[in-house]
Each structure stands twice: as structure tokens, then as C-alpha cells.
N, C-alpha and C. Protein backbone atom coordinates (compact mmCIF):
# COMPACT_ATOMS: atom_id res chain seq x y z
N MET A 1 -14.68 -1.26 39.07
CA MET A 1 -13.95 -2.38 39.64
C MET A 1 -12.77 -2.67 38.74
N THR A 2 -11.65 -2.95 39.33
CA THR A 2 -10.46 -3.25 38.55
C THR A 2 -10.57 -4.65 37.97
N ASP A 3 -9.77 -4.91 36.94
CA ASP A 3 -9.74 -6.26 36.37
C ASP A 3 -9.35 -7.28 37.42
N ALA A 4 -8.42 -6.93 38.30
CA ALA A 4 -7.98 -7.86 39.34
C ALA A 4 -9.12 -8.16 40.31
N GLY A 5 -9.92 -7.16 40.64
CA GLY A 5 -11.04 -7.36 41.55
C GLY A 5 -12.10 -8.26 40.94
N LEU A 6 -12.43 -8.04 39.67
CA LEU A 6 -13.41 -8.89 39.01
C LEU A 6 -12.87 -10.30 38.85
N HIS A 7 -11.59 -10.41 38.50
CA HIS A 7 -10.99 -11.73 38.35
C HIS A 7 -11.04 -12.51 39.67
N LYS A 8 -10.76 -11.82 40.78
CA LYS A 8 -10.82 -12.47 42.09
C LYS A 8 -12.23 -12.97 42.37
N LEU A 9 -13.24 -12.16 42.05
CA LEU A 9 -14.63 -12.58 42.24
C LEU A 9 -14.94 -13.78 41.36
N GLU A 10 -14.47 -13.77 40.11
CA GLU A 10 -14.71 -14.88 39.20
C GLU A 10 -14.11 -16.17 39.76
N CYS A 11 -12.90 -16.09 40.29
CA CYS A 11 -12.25 -17.29 40.83
C CYS A 11 -13.01 -17.85 42.01
N VAL A 12 -13.49 -16.97 42.88
CA VAL A 12 -14.24 -17.41 44.05
C VAL A 12 -15.58 -18.02 43.64
N ALA A 13 -16.21 -17.44 42.64
CA ALA A 13 -17.57 -17.83 42.28
C ALA A 13 -17.63 -18.78 41.09
N TRP A 14 -16.49 -19.22 40.56
CA TRP A 14 -16.47 -19.98 39.31
C TRP A 14 -17.46 -21.13 39.30
N ARG A 15 -17.50 -21.91 40.35
CA ARG A 15 -18.37 -23.09 40.34
C ARG A 15 -19.84 -22.72 40.45
N TYR A 16 -20.13 -21.48 40.80
CA TYR A 16 -21.52 -21.05 40.94
C TYR A 16 -22.05 -20.35 39.70
N ILE A 17 -21.20 -20.06 38.74
CA ILE A 17 -21.62 -19.29 37.58
C ILE A 17 -22.65 -20.07 36.77
N ARG A 18 -23.72 -19.38 36.44
CA ARG A 18 -24.78 -19.95 35.61
C ARG A 18 -24.46 -19.61 34.15
N TRP A 19 -23.72 -20.53 33.53
CA TRP A 19 -23.28 -20.31 32.15
C TRP A 19 -24.48 -20.16 31.23
N ASP A 20 -25.53 -20.91 31.49
CA ASP A 20 -26.72 -20.83 30.66
C ASP A 20 -27.30 -19.42 30.67
N LEU A 21 -27.28 -18.76 31.82
CA LEU A 21 -27.83 -17.41 31.91
C LEU A 21 -26.94 -16.36 31.27
N LEU A 22 -25.62 -16.58 31.31
CA LEU A 22 -24.73 -15.66 30.60
C LEU A 22 -24.98 -15.74 29.09
N VAL A 23 -25.15 -16.96 28.59
CA VAL A 23 -25.46 -17.13 27.16
C VAL A 23 -26.82 -16.51 26.86
N GLU A 24 -27.78 -16.72 27.74
CA GLU A 24 -29.12 -16.15 27.55
C GLU A 24 -29.07 -14.62 27.53
N ASP A 25 -28.27 -14.04 28.42
CA ASP A 25 -28.10 -12.58 28.42
C ASP A 25 -27.61 -12.11 27.05
N LEU A 26 -26.61 -12.79 26.52
CA LEU A 26 -26.04 -12.39 25.24
C LEU A 26 -27.04 -12.56 24.10
N THR A 27 -27.78 -13.66 24.11
CA THR A 27 -28.77 -13.85 23.04
C THR A 27 -29.89 -12.81 23.17
N GLY A 28 -30.22 -12.44 24.39
CA GLY A 28 -31.21 -11.39 24.59
C GLY A 28 -30.74 -10.03 24.09
N ALA A 29 -29.44 -9.85 24.03
CA ALA A 29 -28.85 -8.60 23.53
C ALA A 29 -28.62 -8.65 22.02
N GLY A 30 -29.11 -9.72 21.38
CA GLY A 30 -29.01 -9.81 19.93
C GLY A 30 -27.90 -10.69 19.39
N TRP A 31 -27.14 -11.31 20.27
CA TRP A 31 -26.09 -12.22 19.82
C TRP A 31 -26.70 -13.58 19.52
N LYS A 32 -26.45 -14.08 18.33
CA LYS A 32 -26.89 -15.44 17.99
C LYS A 32 -25.88 -16.42 18.57
N PRO A 33 -26.33 -17.64 18.91
CA PRO A 33 -25.37 -18.64 19.42
C PRO A 33 -24.17 -18.83 18.50
N ALA A 34 -24.39 -18.75 17.19
CA ALA A 34 -23.28 -18.89 16.25
C ALA A 34 -22.30 -17.72 16.37
N ASP A 35 -22.81 -16.53 16.67
CA ASP A 35 -21.94 -15.36 16.85
C ASP A 35 -21.09 -15.52 18.11
N ILE A 36 -21.73 -16.01 19.19
CA ILE A 36 -21.01 -16.25 20.44
C ILE A 36 -19.92 -17.28 20.20
N ALA A 37 -20.29 -18.37 19.52
CA ALA A 37 -19.33 -19.43 19.23
C ALA A 37 -18.16 -18.90 18.41
N ASN A 38 -18.45 -18.09 17.41
CA ASN A 38 -17.39 -17.52 16.58
C ASN A 38 -16.47 -16.62 17.40
N ALA A 39 -17.04 -15.81 18.29
CA ALA A 39 -16.24 -14.91 19.12
C ALA A 39 -15.34 -15.69 20.07
N LEU A 40 -15.79 -16.87 20.50
CA LEU A 40 -15.02 -17.67 21.47
C LEU A 40 -14.21 -18.78 20.81
N ALA A 41 -14.34 -18.91 19.50
CA ALA A 41 -13.62 -19.95 18.74
C ALA A 41 -13.98 -21.36 19.23
N VAL A 42 -15.28 -21.58 19.39
CA VAL A 42 -15.78 -22.91 19.75
C VAL A 42 -16.91 -23.26 18.77
N PRO A 43 -17.24 -24.54 18.65
CA PRO A 43 -18.36 -24.91 17.78
C PRO A 43 -19.69 -24.40 18.35
N PRO A 44 -20.65 -24.06 17.50
CA PRO A 44 -21.96 -23.62 17.97
C PRO A 44 -22.64 -24.64 18.90
N THR A 45 -22.38 -25.91 18.67
CA THR A 45 -22.98 -26.93 19.55
C THR A 45 -22.46 -26.82 20.97
N THR A 46 -21.25 -26.33 21.13
CA THR A 46 -20.68 -26.13 22.47
C THR A 46 -21.45 -25.04 23.20
N VAL A 47 -21.73 -23.94 22.53
CA VAL A 47 -22.49 -22.86 23.14
C VAL A 47 -23.89 -23.36 23.49
N SER A 48 -24.48 -24.15 22.62
CA SER A 48 -25.81 -24.71 22.91
C SER A 48 -25.78 -25.60 24.13
N SER A 49 -24.71 -26.36 24.31
CA SER A 49 -24.62 -27.23 25.48
C SER A 49 -24.50 -26.42 26.76
N TRP A 50 -23.86 -25.26 26.69
CA TRP A 50 -23.80 -24.38 27.86
C TRP A 50 -25.17 -23.77 28.11
N LYS A 51 -25.83 -23.37 27.03
CA LYS A 51 -27.13 -22.70 27.14
C LYS A 51 -28.17 -23.61 27.79
N TYR A 52 -28.12 -24.89 27.46
CA TYR A 52 -29.12 -25.83 28.00
C TYR A 52 -28.63 -26.54 29.24
N GLY A 53 -27.49 -26.09 29.78
CA GLY A 53 -27.00 -26.62 31.05
C GLY A 53 -26.45 -28.03 30.98
N ASN A 54 -26.16 -28.51 29.78
CA ASN A 54 -25.63 -29.87 29.63
C ASN A 54 -24.17 -29.98 30.03
N HIS A 55 -23.41 -28.90 29.84
CA HIS A 55 -21.98 -28.90 30.14
C HIS A 55 -21.55 -27.54 30.64
N GLU A 56 -20.44 -27.52 31.34
CA GLU A 56 -19.79 -26.28 31.72
C GLU A 56 -18.60 -26.08 30.79
N PRO A 57 -18.26 -24.83 30.52
CA PRO A 57 -17.11 -24.60 29.64
C PRO A 57 -15.80 -24.93 30.34
N ARG A 58 -14.79 -25.25 29.53
CA ARG A 58 -13.43 -25.33 30.06
C ARG A 58 -13.07 -23.95 30.59
N TYR A 59 -12.06 -23.91 31.45
CA TYR A 59 -11.71 -22.62 32.07
C TYR A 59 -11.47 -21.54 31.03
N SER A 60 -10.68 -21.83 30.01
CA SER A 60 -10.33 -20.79 29.03
C SER A 60 -11.56 -20.31 28.28
N HIS A 61 -12.48 -21.21 27.96
CA HIS A 61 -13.70 -20.80 27.26
C HIS A 61 -14.65 -20.05 28.19
N GLY A 62 -14.72 -20.49 29.44
CA GLY A 62 -15.55 -19.78 30.41
C GLY A 62 -15.03 -18.38 30.65
N ASP A 63 -13.72 -18.26 30.76
CA ASP A 63 -13.10 -16.95 30.95
C ASP A 63 -13.40 -16.05 29.75
N ALA A 64 -13.30 -16.61 28.55
CA ALA A 64 -13.59 -15.84 27.34
C ALA A 64 -15.07 -15.43 27.29
N LEU A 65 -15.96 -16.30 27.76
CA LEU A 65 -17.39 -15.95 27.79
C LEU A 65 -17.64 -14.80 28.76
N ILE A 66 -16.97 -14.82 29.90
CA ILE A 66 -17.11 -13.73 30.87
C ILE A 66 -16.56 -12.43 30.29
N VAL A 67 -15.44 -12.50 29.59
CA VAL A 67 -14.87 -11.30 28.96
C VAL A 67 -15.85 -10.75 27.92
N LEU A 68 -16.43 -11.60 27.11
CA LEU A 68 -17.42 -11.17 26.12
C LEU A 68 -18.62 -10.53 26.81
N HIS A 69 -19.11 -11.16 27.87
CA HIS A 69 -20.24 -10.62 28.62
C HIS A 69 -19.89 -9.24 29.16
N ARG A 70 -18.68 -9.08 29.69
CA ARG A 70 -18.22 -7.78 30.20
C ARG A 70 -18.18 -6.73 29.10
N LEU A 71 -17.71 -7.13 27.91
CA LEU A 71 -17.64 -6.18 26.79
C LEU A 71 -19.03 -5.73 26.35
N VAL A 72 -19.98 -6.62 26.39
CA VAL A 72 -21.34 -6.30 25.94
C VAL A 72 -22.11 -5.51 27.01
N PHE A 73 -21.99 -5.92 28.27
CA PHE A 73 -22.83 -5.36 29.33
C PHE A 73 -22.11 -4.44 30.31
N GLY A 74 -20.80 -4.47 30.30
CA GLY A 74 -20.03 -3.64 31.24
C GLY A 74 -19.62 -4.43 32.47
N ASP A 75 -18.54 -3.97 33.08
CA ASP A 75 -17.97 -4.67 34.24
C ASP A 75 -18.96 -4.81 35.39
N GLN A 76 -19.65 -3.71 35.72
CA GLN A 76 -20.52 -3.72 36.88
C GLN A 76 -21.68 -4.71 36.73
N TYR A 77 -22.29 -4.73 35.56
CA TYR A 77 -23.41 -5.66 35.33
C TYR A 77 -22.93 -7.11 35.45
N THR A 78 -21.80 -7.41 34.83
CA THR A 78 -21.27 -8.78 34.90
C THR A 78 -20.91 -9.14 36.33
N LYS A 79 -20.28 -8.23 37.05
CA LYS A 79 -19.95 -8.47 38.45
C LYS A 79 -21.23 -8.76 39.25
N ASN A 80 -22.26 -7.97 39.03
CA ASN A 80 -23.52 -8.19 39.75
C ASN A 80 -24.14 -9.55 39.42
N ARG A 81 -24.04 -9.95 38.16
CA ARG A 81 -24.58 -11.26 37.76
C ARG A 81 -23.83 -12.38 38.48
N ILE A 82 -22.51 -12.32 38.46
CA ILE A 82 -21.70 -13.37 39.09
C ILE A 82 -21.95 -13.40 40.59
N THR A 83 -22.06 -12.23 41.21
CA THR A 83 -22.35 -12.17 42.64
C THR A 83 -23.71 -12.78 42.94
N ALA A 84 -24.70 -12.48 42.12
CA ALA A 84 -26.04 -13.03 42.32
C ALA A 84 -26.04 -14.55 42.14
N PHE A 85 -25.29 -15.05 41.18
CA PHE A 85 -25.21 -16.51 40.98
C PHE A 85 -24.66 -17.17 42.25
N ARG A 86 -23.59 -16.59 42.76
CA ARG A 86 -22.95 -17.15 43.95
C ARG A 86 -23.91 -17.11 45.14
N GLU A 87 -24.52 -15.97 45.36
CA GLU A 87 -25.43 -15.82 46.51
C GLU A 87 -26.61 -16.78 46.43
N SER A 88 -27.18 -16.94 45.25
CA SER A 88 -28.34 -17.83 45.13
C SER A 88 -27.94 -19.29 45.28
N ALA A 89 -26.70 -19.63 44.92
CA ALA A 89 -26.25 -21.01 45.02
C ALA A 89 -25.93 -21.42 46.45
N ILE A 90 -25.49 -20.46 47.27
CA ILE A 90 -25.09 -20.83 48.62
C ILE A 90 -26.18 -20.58 49.66
N LYS A 91 -27.28 -19.96 49.27
CA LYS A 91 -28.38 -19.76 50.21
C LYS A 91 -29.10 -21.08 50.42
N ALA A 92 -29.21 -21.47 51.65
CA ALA A 92 -29.94 -22.69 51.97
C ALA A 92 -31.41 -22.34 52.11
N PRO A 93 -32.30 -23.21 51.64
CA PRO A 93 -33.72 -22.93 51.82
C PRO A 93 -34.06 -22.89 53.30
N ALA A 94 -35.09 -22.14 53.66
CA ALA A 94 -35.49 -21.96 55.05
C ALA A 94 -35.88 -23.29 55.71
N THR A 95 -36.27 -24.25 54.90
CA THR A 95 -36.71 -25.54 55.46
C THR A 95 -35.60 -26.59 55.45
N ALA A 96 -34.39 -26.22 55.13
CA ALA A 96 -33.29 -27.19 55.08
C ALA A 96 -33.07 -27.82 56.44
N GLY A 97 -32.90 -29.11 56.47
CA GLY A 97 -32.62 -29.84 57.69
C GLY A 97 -33.83 -30.18 58.53
N GLN A 98 -35.01 -29.86 58.02
CA GLN A 98 -36.23 -30.16 58.80
C GLN A 98 -36.83 -31.47 58.38
């Protein structure tokens, strides 16, 4: 996928991105929250707030987190994660409206 294609997907799915799971993916790959924070030039407490779902990153920090995720896991894996976040967020439960 081209950078433009992934960027378009990111823009469409931005509000659906599970920042906590992106951080969790990175920590599962051996990145410490302090390492993530250092790579993104944010305080470690900021990464922790994303990890625990307390806050969403500013656009520039979120974009940098996605770039880091892409560098660690590859474009296709990151694209699949973002697509899955979007799909799970917009699926209505079968009992909705009953």
C-alpha cells in the first residue's frame, strides 16, 4: 500500500483508532512506554494516558505513533489494525434498537 493510501485510511478511521491497542502492540514487541515516549518526544505520562484510554493524542502525536507502529510492524499489519478498529467501531450489535 502506498503512503497516500494508508494516509487516506488513517484520515477516514482517525476517530476509531484504538490508541491504547497501538501502544499495547508496541509494548508487546518489547518497547517500553518510556521508549515510545522518547521516540515521539512526549512525556512518558502521555503515553500512559493513551495506553489506559484516558486521552487521545493530538494529531501530530497520533500520526507519529502510527508511523512508529508502521516501522515496527510493517504497513500491512498497521493498515489491518486500523481497518479492524474502524470496522469494530461502526458495527452495531444485533440487538440494537430492540
